[in-house]
Amino acid sequence: MAEEKTEKRMLSVTANPHVRDSITTQKIMLYVIIALLPATFFGIWNFGVYSLVIVIATVASAVLSEYLYEKLLHLPITISDCSAAVTGLLLALNMPPTAPIWMCILGSAFAIIVVKMLFGGLGQNFMNPALGARCFLLISFAGRMTNFATDTYTGPTPLAMIKNGETINTFTMVLGRESGTIGETSVIAIVIGACFLILMGVIDLKIPGSYIVSFALFYILFGGHGANPYYLTAHLAGGGLMLGAFFMATDYVTSPITTKGKIIFGVILGILTGVFRIFASGAEGVSYAIIIGNLLVPLIERYAPLKCFGYRKPEKEVKA
């Protein structure tokens, strides 16, 4: 009898997934938050205490928006997975340091309610919520979203200056002592956070690597300056390229899951960013490139699918 019970337990089939990992969604999101802290702290130091207010307001309103939505619709409360906090923090780092608080709250509510929850919540959204909110704010309040003048910096962003024919100091760009959004200026802080995510196994270099390399090649071919290190360094260090490549293009939900698909996705992002920066009127282009890339993910995965563990033989082979 004991042996029969043991056999029954061994043969019982439970709901998938059958292979589980010890890492949880909450742990992944906490790793992302930790990785974003260097860029966050640098942005606060670079632009002043008001940047901290923006970060707190954006993160708090994102978490509150998710809680209220789920509470009002009698859904399970999921704010403990920290995904809303990550969305709010990413949005804050993509905001100008002069953004009014009401705009931060509106952006967070749009990111959580419209882009994320209305499509089914975490894992169902078709685009990165933080970037979706940033593009919404850029279209709705273009003047305020492109105003980077603070007590420390009064001019436009370095890429805007280059587009206007002005010269910039690429060394200060790499250090981050330039105008821009709160989290995009310091390449060093962003790379430190990215290295942490890579070491923790949260991301790999397939998407960011193919993104950065393809953009660099596109700029060399069509940028009008060849492989000039001055212009190439400026474009790689500015405009949120590094922040977007490592922290938003690698979003699990809105990026391909196969190796081939990730590389194709990164190449598409690099080309789109190059098109927007070189041929469009604006000087940035990362946000729109990633959003368009997110929309192309189903098509990419259709032509770069996962390999099956087995296959069904054609009928002719079976009969033979």
C-alpha atoms as a PDB file:
ATOM      1  CA  MET A   1       0.000   0.000   0.000  1.00  0.00           C
ATOM      2  CA  ALA A   2       2.794   2.375   0.897  1.00  0.00           C
ATOM      3  CA  GLU A   3       4.520   1.693  -2.436  1.00  0.00           C
ATOM      4  CA  GLU A   4       1.282   2.337  -4.361  1.00  0.00           C
ATOM      5  CA  LYS A   5       0.802   5.685  -2.617  1.00  0.00           C
ATOM      6  CA  THR A   6       4.404   6.665  -3.422  1.00  0.00           C
ATOM      7  CA  GLU A   7       3.895   5.771  -7.094  1.00  0.00           C
ATOM      8  CA  LYS A   8       0.691   7.838  -7.232  1.00  0.00           C
ATOM      9  CA  ARG A   9       2.486  10.837  -5.759  1.00  0.00           C
ATOM     10  CA  MET A  10       5.300  10.478  -8.289  1.00  0.00           C
ATOM     11  CA  LEU A  11       2.899  10.214 -11.230  1.00  0.00           C
ATOM     12  CA  SER A  12       0.663  13.129 -10.236  1.00  0.00           C
ATOM     13  CA  VAL A  13       0.818  16.069 -12.656  1.00  0.00           C
ATOM     14  CA  THR A  14       0.438  19.628 -11.396  1.00  0.00           C
ATOM     15  CA  ALA A  15      -0.184  22.863 -13.247  1.00  0.00           C
ATOM     16  CA  ASN A  16       2.775  24.390 -15.103  1.00  0.00           C
ATOM     17  CA  PRO A  17       5.409  25.705 -14.807  1.00  0.00           C
ATOM     18  CA  HIS A  18       7.055  22.453 -13.798  1.00  0.00           C
ATOM     19  CA  VAL A  19      10.568  23.906 -13.615  1.00  0.00           C
ATOM     20  CA  ARG A  20      10.825  26.808 -11.188  1.00  0.00           C
ATOM     21  CA  ASP A  21      13.561  29.292 -10.309  1.00  0.00           C
ATOM     22  CA  SER A  22      14.254  30.635  -6.852  1.00  0.00           C
ATOM     23  CA  ILE A  23      14.242  34.234  -8.109  1.00  0.00           C
ATOM     24  CA  THR A  24      10.910  36.047  -7.865  1.00  0.00           C
ATOM     25  CA  THR A  25       9.411  39.088  -9.562  1.00  0.00           C
ATOM     26  CA  GLN A  26       9.841  41.050  -6.352  1.00  0.00           C
ATOM     27  CA  LYS A  27      13.531  40.155  -6.132  1.00  0.00           C
ATOM     28  CA  ILE A  28      14.133  41.144  -9.771  1.00  0.00           C
ATOM     29  CA  MET A  29      12.417  44.483  -9.232  1.00  0.00           C
ATOM     30  CA  LEU A  30      14.438  45.118  -6.080  1.00  0.00           C
ATOM     31  CA  TYR A  31      17.619  44.431  -8.059  1.00  0.00           C
ATOM     32  CA  VAL A  32      16.508  46.955 -10.680  1.00  0.00           C
ATOM     33  CA  ILE A  33      15.790  49.560  -7.995  1.00  0.00           C
ATOM     34  CA  ILE A  34      19.241  48.998  -6.476  1.00  0.00           C
ATOM     35  CA  ALA A  35      20.841  49.274  -9.927  1.00  0.00           C
ATOM     36  CA  LEU A  36      19.064  52.590 -10.559  1.00  0.00           C
ATOM     37  CA  LEU A  37      20.239  54.140  -7.278  1.00  0.00           C
ATOM     38  CA  PRO A  38      23.639  55.386  -8.588  1.00  0.00           C
ATOM     39  CA  ALA A  39      21.950  57.309 -11.428  1.00  0.00           C
ATOM     40  CA  THR A  40      19.244  58.523  -9.027  1.00  0.00           C
ATOM     41  CA  PHE A  41      21.675  59.810  -6.409  1.00  0.00           C
ATOM     42  CA  PHE A  42      23.845  61.438  -9.057  1.00  0.00           C
ATOM     43  CA  GLY A  43      20.812  63.159 -10.580  1.00  0.00           C
ATOM     44  CA  ILE A  44      19.780  64.533  -7.180  1.00  0.00           C
ATOM     45  CA  TRP A  45      23.336  65.762  -6.535  1.00  0.00           C
ATOM     46  CA  ASN A  46      23.609  67.196 -10.041  1.00  0.00           C
ATOM     47  CA  PHE A  47      20.281  69.034 -10.215  1.00  0.00           C
ATOM     48  CA  GLY A  48      19.384  69.735  -6.600  1.00  0.00           C
ATOM     49  CA  VAL A  49      16.932  68.705  -3.895  1.00  0.00           C
ATOM     50  CA  TYR A  50      13.874  69.341  -6.066  1.00  0.00           C
ATOM     51  CA  SER A  51      14.905  66.289  -8.107  1.00  0.00           C
ATOM     52  CA  LEU A  52      14.447  64.191  -4.969  1.00  0.00           C
ATOM     53  CA  VAL A  53      10.927  65.605  -4.621  1.00  0.00           C
ATOM     54  CA  ILE A  54      10.212  64.559  -8.215  1.00  0.00           C
ATOM     55  CA  VAL A  55      11.490  61.034  -7.575  1.00  0.00           C
ATOM     56  CA  ILE A  56       9.428  60.626  -4.395  1.00  0.00           C
ATOM     57  CA  ALA A  57       6.265  62.051  -5.995  1.00  0.00           C
ATOM     58  CA  THR A  58       6.552  59.918  -9.133  1.00  0.00           C
ATOM     59  CA  VAL A  59       7.277  56.655  -7.315  1.00  0.00           C
ATOM     60  CA  ALA A  60       4.597  57.257  -4.659  1.00  0.00           C
ATOM     61  CA  SER A  61       1.926  58.174  -7.216  1.00  0.00           C
ATOM     62  CA  ALA A  62       2.766  55.115  -9.334  1.00  0.00           C
ATOM     63  CA  VAL A  63       2.377  52.765  -6.368  1.00  0.00           C
ATOM     64  CA  LEU A  64      -0.779  54.553  -5.206  1.00  0.00           C
ATOM     65  CA  SER A  65      -2.301  54.433  -8.698  1.00  0.00           C
ATOM     66  CA  GLU A  66      -1.861  50.663  -8.871  1.00  0.00           C
ATOM     67  CA  TYR A  67      -3.230  50.184  -5.353  1.00  0.00           C
ATOM     68  CA  LEU A  68      -6.331  52.333  -5.950  1.00  0.00           C
ATOM     69  CA  TYR A  69      -7.063  50.725  -9.318  1.00  0.00           C
ATOM     70  CA  GLU A  70      -6.914  47.212  -7.866  1.00  0.00           C
ATOM     71  CA  LYS A  71      -8.808  48.232  -4.723  1.00  0.00           C
ATOM     72  CA  LEU A  72     -11.660  49.865  -6.645  1.00  0.00           C
ATOM     73  CA  LEU A  73     -12.000  46.918  -9.029  1.00  0.00           C
ATOM     74  CA  HIS A  74     -11.667  44.353  -6.221  1.00  0.00           C
ATOM     75  CA  LEU A  75      -8.547  42.818  -7.739  1.00  0.00           C
ATOM     76  CA  PRO A  76      -5.653  41.236  -5.839  1.00  0.00           C
ATOM     77  CA  ILE A  77      -3.272  43.924  -4.547  1.00  0.00           C
ATOM     78  CA  THR A  78       0.079  43.500  -6.306  1.00  0.00           C
ATOM     79  CA  ILE A  79       2.092  46.532  -5.190  1.00  0.00           C
ATOM     80  CA  SER A  80       4.314  44.256  -3.088  1.00  0.00           C
ATOM     81  CA  ASP A  81       6.007  42.957  -6.249  1.00  0.00           C
ATOM     82  CA  CYS A  82       7.664  46.424  -6.555  1.00  0.00           C
ATOM     83  CA  SER A  83       6.978  46.679 -10.303  1.00  0.00           C
ATOM     84  CA  ALA A  84       4.985  49.888  -9.829  1.00  0.00           C
ATOM     85  CA  ALA A  85       7.872  51.373  -7.842  1.00  0.00           C
ATOM     86  CA  VAL A  86      10.275  50.514 -10.679  1.00  0.00           C
ATOM     87  CA  THR A  87       7.954  52.147 -13.215  1.00  0.00           C
ATOM     88  CA  GLY A  88       7.731  55.283 -11.089  1.00  0.00           C
ATOM     89  CA  LEU A  89      11.501  55.441 -10.599  1.00  0.00           C
ATOM     90  CA  LEU A  90      12.227  54.976 -14.314  1.00  0.00           C
ATOM     91  CA  LEU A  91       9.712  57.675 -15.168  1.00  0.00           C
ATOM     92  CA  ALA A  92      11.293  60.021 -12.610  1.00  0.00           C
ATOM     93  CA  LEU A  93      14.730  59.481 -14.149  1.00  0.00           C
ATOM     94  CA  ASN A  94      13.265  60.368 -17.545  1.00  0.00           C
ATOM     95  CA  MET A  95      11.727  63.618 -16.284  1.00  0.00           C
ATOM     96  CA  PRO A  96      13.384  67.041 -16.543  1.00  0.00           C
ATOM     97  CA  PRO A  97      14.576  68.406 -13.173  1.00  0.00           C
ATOM     98  CA  THR A  98      12.120  71.309 -13.528  1.00  0.00           C
ATOM     99  CA  ALA A  99       8.975  69.197 -13.989  1.00  0.00           C
ATOM    100  CA  PRO A 100       6.000  70.291 -11.860  1.00  0.00           C
ATOM    101  CA  ILE A 101       4.697  67.746  -9.372  1.00  0.00           C
ATOM    102  CA  TRP A 102       1.255  67.545 -10.976  1.00  0.00           C
ATOM    103  CA  MET A 103       2.905  66.397 -14.211  1.00  0.00           C
ATOM    104  CA  CYS A 104       4.788  63.666 -12.360  1.00  0.00           C
ATOM    105  CA  ILE A 105       1.543  62.423 -10.803  1.00  0.00           C
ATOM    106  CA  LEU A 106      -0.256  62.511 -14.161  1.00  0.00           C
ATOM    107  CA  GLY A 107       2.583  60.632 -15.852  1.00  0.00           C
ATOM    108  CA  SER A 108       2.649  57.934 -13.180  1.00  0.00           C
ATOM    109  CA  ALA A 109      -1.126  57.471 -13.325  1.00  0.00           C
ATOM    110  CA  PHE A 110      -0.967  57.149 -17.129  1.00  0.00           C
ATOM    111  CA  ALA A 111       1.902  54.639 -16.942  1.00  0.00           C
ATOM    112  CA  ILE A 112       0.181  52.410 -14.396  1.00  0.00           C
ATOM    113  CA  ILE A 113      -3.497  52.686 -15.277  1.00  0.00           C
ATOM    114  CA  VAL A 114      -3.503  53.171 -19.059  1.00  0.00           C
ATOM    115  CA  VAL A 115      -0.354  51.362 -20.218  1.00  0.00           C
ATOM    116  CA  LYS A 116      -0.165  48.624 -17.574  1.00  0.00           C
ATOM    117  CA  MET A 117      -3.419  47.845 -15.734  1.00  0.00           C
ATOM    118  CA  LEU A 118      -5.919  48.335 -18.552  1.00  0.00           C
ATOM    119  CA  PHE A 119      -4.068  45.682 -20.530  1.00  0.00           C
ATOM    120  CA  GLY A 120      -4.107  43.149 -17.701  1.00  0.00           C
ATOM    121  CA  GLY A 121      -1.334  44.215 -15.358  1.00  0.00           C
ATOM    122  CA  LEU A 122       2.276  43.086 -15.102  1.00  0.00           C
ATOM    123  CA  GLY A 123       3.210  40.784 -17.954  1.00  0.00           C
ATOM    124  CA  GLN A 124       0.373  41.930 -20.237  1.00  0.00           C
ATOM    125  CA  ASN A 125       1.417  45.486 -21.162  1.00  0.00           C
ATOM    126  CA  PHE A 126       2.522  45.874 -24.790  1.00  0.00           C
ATOM    127  CA  MET A 127       4.984  48.717 -24.190  1.00  0.00           C
ATOM    128  CA  ASN A 128       7.244  49.905 -21.414  1.00  0.00           C
ATOM    129  CA  PRO A 129       4.940  51.829 -19.029  1.00  0.00           C
ATOM    130  CA  ALA A 130       7.520  54.450 -18.030  1.00  0.00           C
ATOM    131  CA  LEU A 131       8.416  55.243 -21.641  1.00  0.00           C
ATOM    132  CA  GLY A 132       4.774  55.197 -22.665  1.00  0.00           C
ATOM    133  CA  ALA A 133       4.098  57.828 -20.000  1.00  0.00           C
ATOM    134  CA  ARG A 134       7.125  59.896 -21.034  1.00  0.00           C
ATOM    135  CA  CYS A 135       6.011  59.938 -24.672  1.00  0.00           C
ATOM    136  CA  PHE A 136       2.490  60.891 -23.532  1.00  0.00           C
ATOM    137  CA  LEU A 137       3.915  63.811 -21.531  1.00  0.00           C
ATOM    138  CA  LEU A 138       6.241  64.840 -24.383  1.00  0.00           C
ATOM    139  CA  ILE A 139       3.314  65.027 -26.793  1.00  0.00           C
ATOM    140  CA  SER A 140       0.983  66.741 -24.326  1.00  0.00           C
ATOM    141  CA  PHE A 141       3.408  69.150 -22.646  1.00  0.00           C
ATOM    142  CA  ALA A 142       6.330  69.483 -25.040  1.00  0.00           C
ATOM    143  CA  GLY A 143       7.492  72.838 -23.660  1.00  0.00           C
ATOM    144  CA  ARG A 144       7.696  71.719 -20.036  1.00  0.00           C
ATOM    145  CA  MET A 145       9.185  68.313 -20.880  1.00  0.00           C
ATOM    146  CA  THR A 146      12.025  69.894 -22.880  1.00  0.00           C
ATOM    147  CA  ASN A 147      12.812  72.635 -20.377  1.00  0.00           C
ATOM    148  CA  PHE A 148      16.081  71.611 -18.718  1.00  0.00           C
ATOM    149  CA  ALA A 149      17.079  75.039 -17.367  1.00  0.00           C
ATOM    150  CA  THR A 150      18.002  74.936 -13.676  1.00  0.00           C
ATOM    151  CA  ASP A 151      20.042  77.086 -11.318  1.00  0.00           C
ATOM    152  CA  THR A 152      23.118  75.110 -12.415  1.00  0.00           C
ATOM    153  CA  TYR A 153      22.431  74.640 -16.126  1.00  0.00           C
ATOM    154  CA  THR A 154      20.697  77.234 -18.276  1.00  0.00           C
ATOM    155  CA  GLY A 155      21.325  75.899 -21.782  1.00  0.00           C
ATOM    156  CA  PRO A 156      19.804  73.072 -23.855  1.00  0.00           C
ATOM    157  CA  THR A 157      20.980  69.466 -23.738  1.00  0.00           C
ATOM    158  CA  PRO A 158      24.368  68.611 -25.309  1.00  0.00           C
ATOM    159  CA  LEU A 159      22.771  66.799 -28.260  1.00  0.00           C
ATOM    160  CA  ALA A 160      20.549  69.783 -28.967  1.00  0.00           C
ATOM    161  CA  MET A 161      23.647  71.994 -28.924  1.00  0.00           C
ATOM    162  CA  ILE A 162      25.418  69.713 -31.403  1.00  0.00           C
ATOM    163  CA  LYS A 163      22.365  69.729 -33.678  1.00  0.00           C
ATOM    164  CA  ASN A 164      22.496  73.549 -33.598  1.00  0.00           C
ATOM    165  CA  GLY A 165      26.157  73.525 -34.598  1.00  0.00           C
ATOM    166  CA  GLU A 166      27.540  74.366 -31.161  1.00  0.00           C
ATOM    167  CA  THR A 167      30.481  72.660 -29.467  1.00  0.00           C
ATOM    168  CA  ILE A 168      30.345  70.724 -26.222  1.00  0.00           C
ATOM    169  CA  ASN A 169      32.750  69.096 -23.788  1.00  0.00           C
ATOM    170  CA  THR A 170      32.429  65.331 -24.176  1.00  0.00           C
ATOM    171  CA  PHE A 171      34.424  64.689 -20.989  1.00  0.00           C
ATOM    172  CA  THR A 172      31.858  66.537 -18.859  1.00  0.00           C
ATOM    173  CA  MET A 173      29.139  64.640 -20.742  1.00  0.00           C
ATOM    174  CA  VAL A 174      30.606  61.296 -19.695  1.00  0.00           C
ATOM    175  CA  LEU A 175      30.876  62.545 -16.105  1.00  0.00           C
ATOM    176  CA  GLY A 176      27.284  63.785 -16.265  1.00  0.00           C
ATOM    177  CA  ARG A 177      27.821  67.457 -15.503  1.00  0.00           C
ATOM    178  CA  GLU A 178      25.391  68.565 -18.193  1.00  0.00           C
ATOM    179  CA  SER A 179      21.724  69.406 -18.556  1.00  0.00           C
ATOM    180  CA  GLY A 180      19.223  66.670 -19.298  1.00  0.00           C
ATOM    181  CA  THR A 181      16.709  64.485 -17.537  1.00  0.00           C
ATOM    182  CA  ILE A 182      17.371  63.492 -13.928  1.00  0.00           C
ATOM    183  CA  GLY A 183      18.819  60.046 -14.644  1.00  0.00           C
ATOM    184  CA  GLU A 184      20.272  60.177 -18.135  1.00  0.00           C
ATOM    185  CA  THR A 185      23.343  62.393 -17.750  1.00  0.00           C
ATOM    186  CA  SER A 186      25.915  60.228 -15.939  1.00  0.00           C
ATOM    187  CA  VAL A 187      27.105  57.348 -18.127  1.00  0.00           C
ATOM    188  CA  ILE A 188      29.349  56.158 -15.286  1.00  0.00           C
ATOM    189  CA  ALA A 189      26.453  55.854 -12.815  1.00  0.00           C
ATOM    190  CA  ILE A 190      24.296  54.069 -15.399  1.00  0.00           C
ATOM    191  CA  VAL A 191      27.045  51.590 -16.309  1.00  0.00           C
ATOM    192  CA  ILE A 192      27.675  50.831 -12.607  1.00  0.00           C
ATOM    193  CA  GLY A 193      24.003  49.932 -12.214  1.00  0.00           C
ATOM    194  CA  ALA A 194      24.025  47.917 -15.451  1.00  0.00           C
ATOM    195  CA  CYS A 195      27.056  45.912 -14.297  1.00  0.00           C
ATOM    196  CA  PHE A 196      25.173  45.057 -11.101  1.00  0.00           C
ATOM    197  CA  LEU A 197      22.198  43.732 -13.090  1.00  0.00           C
ATOM    198  CA  ILE A 198      24.487  41.675 -15.322  1.00  0.00           C
ATOM    199  CA  LEU A 199      26.294  40.177 -12.317  1.00  0.00           C
ATOM    200  CA  MET A 200      22.941  39.316 -10.711  1.00  0.00           C
ATOM    201  CA  GLY A 201      21.829  37.618 -13.927  1.00  0.00           C
ATOM    202  CA  VAL A 202      18.867  39.953 -14.411  1.00  0.00           C
ATOM    203  CA  ILE A 203      19.958  41.145 -17.875  1.00  0.00           C
ATOM    204  CA  ASP A 204      22.599  40.226 -20.434  1.00  0.00           C
ATOM    205  CA  LEU A 205      24.364  42.172 -23.176  1.00  0.00           C
ATOM    206  CA  LYS A 206      22.393  40.875 -26.161  1.00  0.00           C
ATOM    207  CA  ILE A 207      19.884  43.739 -26.365  1.00  0.00           C
ATOM    208  CA  PRO A 208      21.998  46.650 -25.050  1.00  0.00           C
ATOM    209  CA  GLY A 209      25.080  45.452 -26.939  1.00  0.00           C
ATOM    210  CA  SER A 210      23.317  45.093 -30.296  1.00  0.00           C
ATOM    211  CA  TYR A 211      21.491  48.382 -29.657  1.00  0.00           C
ATOM    212  CA  ILE A 212      24.626  50.418 -28.951  1.00  0.00           C
ATOM    213  CA  VAL A 213      26.744  48.813 -31.698  1.00  0.00           C
ATOM    214  CA  SER A 214      24.049  49.141 -34.376  1.00  0.00           C
ATOM    215  CA  PHE A 215      23.432  52.774 -33.447  1.00  0.00           C
ATOM    216  CA  ALA A 216      27.164  53.532 -33.586  1.00  0.00           C
ATOM    217  CA  LEU A 217      27.466  51.914 -37.030  1.00  0.00           C
ATOM    218  CA  PHE A 218      24.372  53.733 -38.297  1.00  0.00           C
ATOM    219  CA  TYR A 219      25.727  57.055 -37.052  1.00  0.00           C
ATOM    220  CA  ILE A 220      29.129  56.427 -38.641  1.00  0.00           C
ATOM    221  CA  LEU A 221      27.464  55.684 -41.989  1.00  0.00           C
ATOM    222  CA  PHE A 222      24.799  58.405 -42.053  1.00  0.00           C
ATOM    223  CA  GLY A 223      25.695  60.933 -39.345  1.00  0.00           C
ATOM    224  CA  GLY A 224      27.826  63.068 -41.641  1.00  0.00           C
ATOM    225  CA  HIS A 225      30.904  62.926 -39.397  1.00  0.00           C
ATOM    226  CA  GLY A 226      32.161  59.414 -40.099  1.00  0.00           C
ATOM    227  CA  ALA A 227      33.893  57.750 -37.171  1.00  0.00           C
ATOM    228  CA  ASN A 228      34.780  61.069 -35.550  1.00  0.00           C
ATOM    229  CA  PRO A 229      35.196  60.132 -31.841  1.00  0.00           C
ATOM    230  CA  TYR A 230      33.996  63.571 -30.683  1.00  0.00           C
ATOM    231  CA  TYR A 231      30.518  63.258 -32.202  1.00  0.00           C
ATOM    232  CA  LEU A 232      30.260  59.512 -31.636  1.00  0.00           C
ATOM    233  CA  THR A 233      31.100  59.836 -27.927  1.00  0.00           C
ATOM    234  CA  ALA A 234      28.608  62.671 -27.535  1.00  0.00           C
ATOM    235  CA  HIS A 235      25.793  60.633 -29.064  1.00  0.00           C
ATOM    236  CA  LEU A 236      26.598  57.505 -27.069  1.00  0.00           C
ATOM    237  CA  ALA A 237      26.847  59.419 -23.787  1.00  0.00           C
ATOM    238  CA  GLY A 238      23.864  61.727 -24.312  1.00  0.00           C
ATOM    239  CA  GLY A 239      20.158  61.614 -24.921  1.00  0.00           C
ATOM    240  CA  GLY A 240      19.407  58.750 -22.554  1.00  0.00           C
ATOM    241  CA  LEU A 241      20.875  56.106 -24.878  1.00  0.00           C
ATOM    242  CA  MET A 242      22.647  54.195 -22.109  1.00  0.00           C
ATOM    243  CA  LEU A 243      19.702  54.467 -19.696  1.00  0.00           C
ATOM    244  CA  GLY A 244      17.336  53.231 -22.385  1.00  0.00           C
ATOM    245  CA  ALA A 245      19.622  50.448 -23.608  1.00  0.00           C
ATOM    246  CA  PHE A 246      20.299  48.875 -20.208  1.00  0.00           C
ATOM    247  CA  PHE A 247      17.168  49.625 -18.192  1.00  0.00           C
ATOM    248  CA  MET A 248      14.203  49.993 -20.553  1.00  0.00           C
ATOM    249  CA  ALA A 249      14.978  48.069 -23.727  1.00  0.00           C
ATOM    250  CA  THR A 250      15.727  45.018 -21.540  1.00  0.00           C
ATOM    251  CA  ASP A 251      12.280  44.986 -19.922  1.00  0.00           C
ATOM    252  CA  TYR A 252      11.230  41.316 -19.759  1.00  0.00           C
ATOM    253  CA  VAL A 253       7.615  41.953 -20.727  1.00  0.00           C
ATOM    254  CA  THR A 254       8.186  44.152 -23.777  1.00  0.00           C
ATOM    255  CA  SER A 255      11.313  42.569 -25.292  1.00  0.00           C
ATOM    256  CA  PRO A 256      11.871  39.271 -27.169  1.00  0.00           C
ATOM    257  CA  ILE A 257      12.896  36.166 -25.240  1.00  0.00           C
ATOM    258  CA  THR A 258      15.041  34.350 -27.827  1.00  0.00           C
ATOM    259  CA  THR A 259      18.699  35.130 -28.517  1.00  0.00           C
ATOM    260  CA  LYS A 260      18.041  35.835 -32.188  1.00  0.00           C
ATOM    261  CA  GLY A 261      15.004  37.938 -31.335  1.00  0.00           C
ATOM    262  CA  LYS A 262      16.939  40.023 -28.797  1.00  0.00           C
ATOM    263  CA  ILE A 263      19.669  40.818 -31.319  1.00  0.00           C
ATOM    264  CA  ILE A 264      17.135  41.754 -34.005  1.00  0.00           C
ATOM    265  CA  PHE A 265      15.300  43.889 -31.464  1.00  0.00           C
ATOM    266  CA  GLY A 266      18.503  45.699 -30.461  1.00  0.00           C
ATOM    267  CA  VAL A 267      19.456  46.351 -34.094  1.00  0.00           C
ATOM    268  CA  ILE A 268      15.999  47.797 -34.802  1.00  0.00           C
ATOM    269  CA  LEU A 269      16.320  50.108 -31.784  1.00  0.00           C
ATOM    270  CA  GLY A 270      19.756  51.266 -32.904  1.00  0.00           C
ATOM    271  CA  ILE A 271      18.563  52.047 -36.427  1.00  0.00           C
ATOM    272  CA  LEU A 272      15.408  53.830 -35.225  1.00  0.00           C
ATOM    273  CA  THR A 273      17.384  55.931 -32.728  1.00  0.00           C
ATOM    274  CA  GLY A 274      19.804  56.879 -35.504  1.00  0.00           C
ATOM    275  CA  VAL A 275      16.955  57.839 -37.832  1.00  0.00           C
ATOM    276  CA  PHE A 276      15.303  60.029 -35.191  1.00  0.00           C
ATOM    277  CA  ARG A 277      18.535  61.746 -34.170  1.00  0.00           C
ATOM    278  CA  ILE A 278      19.965  62.339 -37.645  1.00  0.00           C
ATOM    279  CA  PHE A 279      16.944  62.915 -39.870  1.00  0.00           C
ATOM    280  CA  ALA A 280      14.224  64.137 -37.474  1.00  0.00           C
ATOM    281  CA  SER A 281      13.914  67.607 -35.993  1.00  0.00           C
ATOM    282  CA  GLY A 282      14.518  66.427 -32.416  1.00  0.00           C
ATOM    283  CA  ALA A 283      17.871  65.554 -30.883  1.00  0.00           C
ATOM    284  CA  GLU A 284      16.948  62.527 -28.742  1.00  0.00           C
ATOM    285  CA  GLY A 285      14.829  59.661 -30.130  1.00  0.00           C
ATOM    286  CA  VAL A 286      15.498  56.871 -27.607  1.00  0.00           C
ATOM    287  CA  SER A 287      12.004  56.859 -26.078  1.00  0.00           C
ATOM    288  CA  TYR A 288      10.184  56.710 -29.405  1.00  0.00           C
ATOM    289  CA  ALA A 289      12.612  54.099 -30.755  1.00  0.00           C
ATOM    290  CA  ILE A 290      11.987  51.735 -27.824  1.00  0.00           C
ATOM    291  CA  ILE A 291       8.206  52.269 -27.958  1.00  0.00           C
ATOM    292  CA  ILE A 292       8.119  51.413 -31.680  1.00  0.00           C
ATOM    293  CA  GLY A 293      10.412  48.469 -31.008  1.00  0.00           C
ATOM    294  CA  ASN A 294       8.005  47.222 -28.324  1.00  0.00           C
ATOM    295  CA  LEU A 295       5.200  47.230 -30.875  1.00  0.00           C
ATOM    296  CA  LEU A 296       7.318  45.111 -33.238  1.00  0.00           C
ATOM    297  CA  VAL A 297       8.134  42.424 -30.650  1.00  0.00           C
ATOM    298  CA  PRO A 298       5.235  40.076 -31.629  1.00  0.00           C
ATOM    299  CA  LEU A 299       6.421  40.214 -35.248  1.00  0.00           C
ATOM    300  CA  ILE A 300      10.043  39.598 -34.206  1.00  0.00           C
ATOM    301  CA  GLU A 301       9.063  36.597 -32.097  1.00  0.00           C
ATOM    302  CA  ARG A 302       7.018  35.200 -34.965  1.00  0.00           C
ATOM    303  CA  TYR A 303      10.146  34.961 -37.133  1.00  0.00           C
ATOM    304  CA  ALA A 304      12.537  34.174 -34.275  1.00  0.00           C
ATOM    305  CA  PRO A 305      10.562  31.625 -32.197  1.00  0.00           C
ATOM    306  CA  LEU A 306      11.762  29.366 -29.414  1.00  0.00           C
ATOM    307  CA  LYS A 307      13.009  25.942 -30.451  1.00  0.00           C
ATOM    308  CA  CYS A 308      10.660  23.133 -29.449  1.00  0.00           C
ATOM    309  CA  PHE A 309      11.887  20.219 -27.345  1.00  0.00           C
ATOM    310  CA  GLY A 310      10.316  17.821 -29.834  1.00  0.00           C
ATOM    311  CA  TYR A 311       8.580  17.867 -33.197  1.00  0.00           C
ATOM    312  CA  ARG A 312       5.835  16.044 -35.017  1.00  0.00           C
ATOM    313  CA  LYS A 313       6.908  13.971 -37.999  1.00  0.00           C
ATOM    314  CA  PRO A 314       5.179  14.699 -41.302  1.00  0.00           C
ATOM    315  CA  GLU A 315       2.449  12.228 -42.231  1.00  0.00           C
ATOM    316  CA  LYS A 316       4.525  10.739 -45.067  1.00  0.00           C
ATOM    317  CA  GLU A 317       7.343   9.819 -42.664  1.00  0.00           C
ATOM    318  CA  VAL A 318       4.855   8.241 -40.241  1.00  0.00           C
ATOM    319  CA  LYS A 319       3.307   6.068 -42.958  1.00  0.00           C
ATOM    320  CA  ALA A 320       6.704   4.979 -44.192  1.00  0.00           C
END
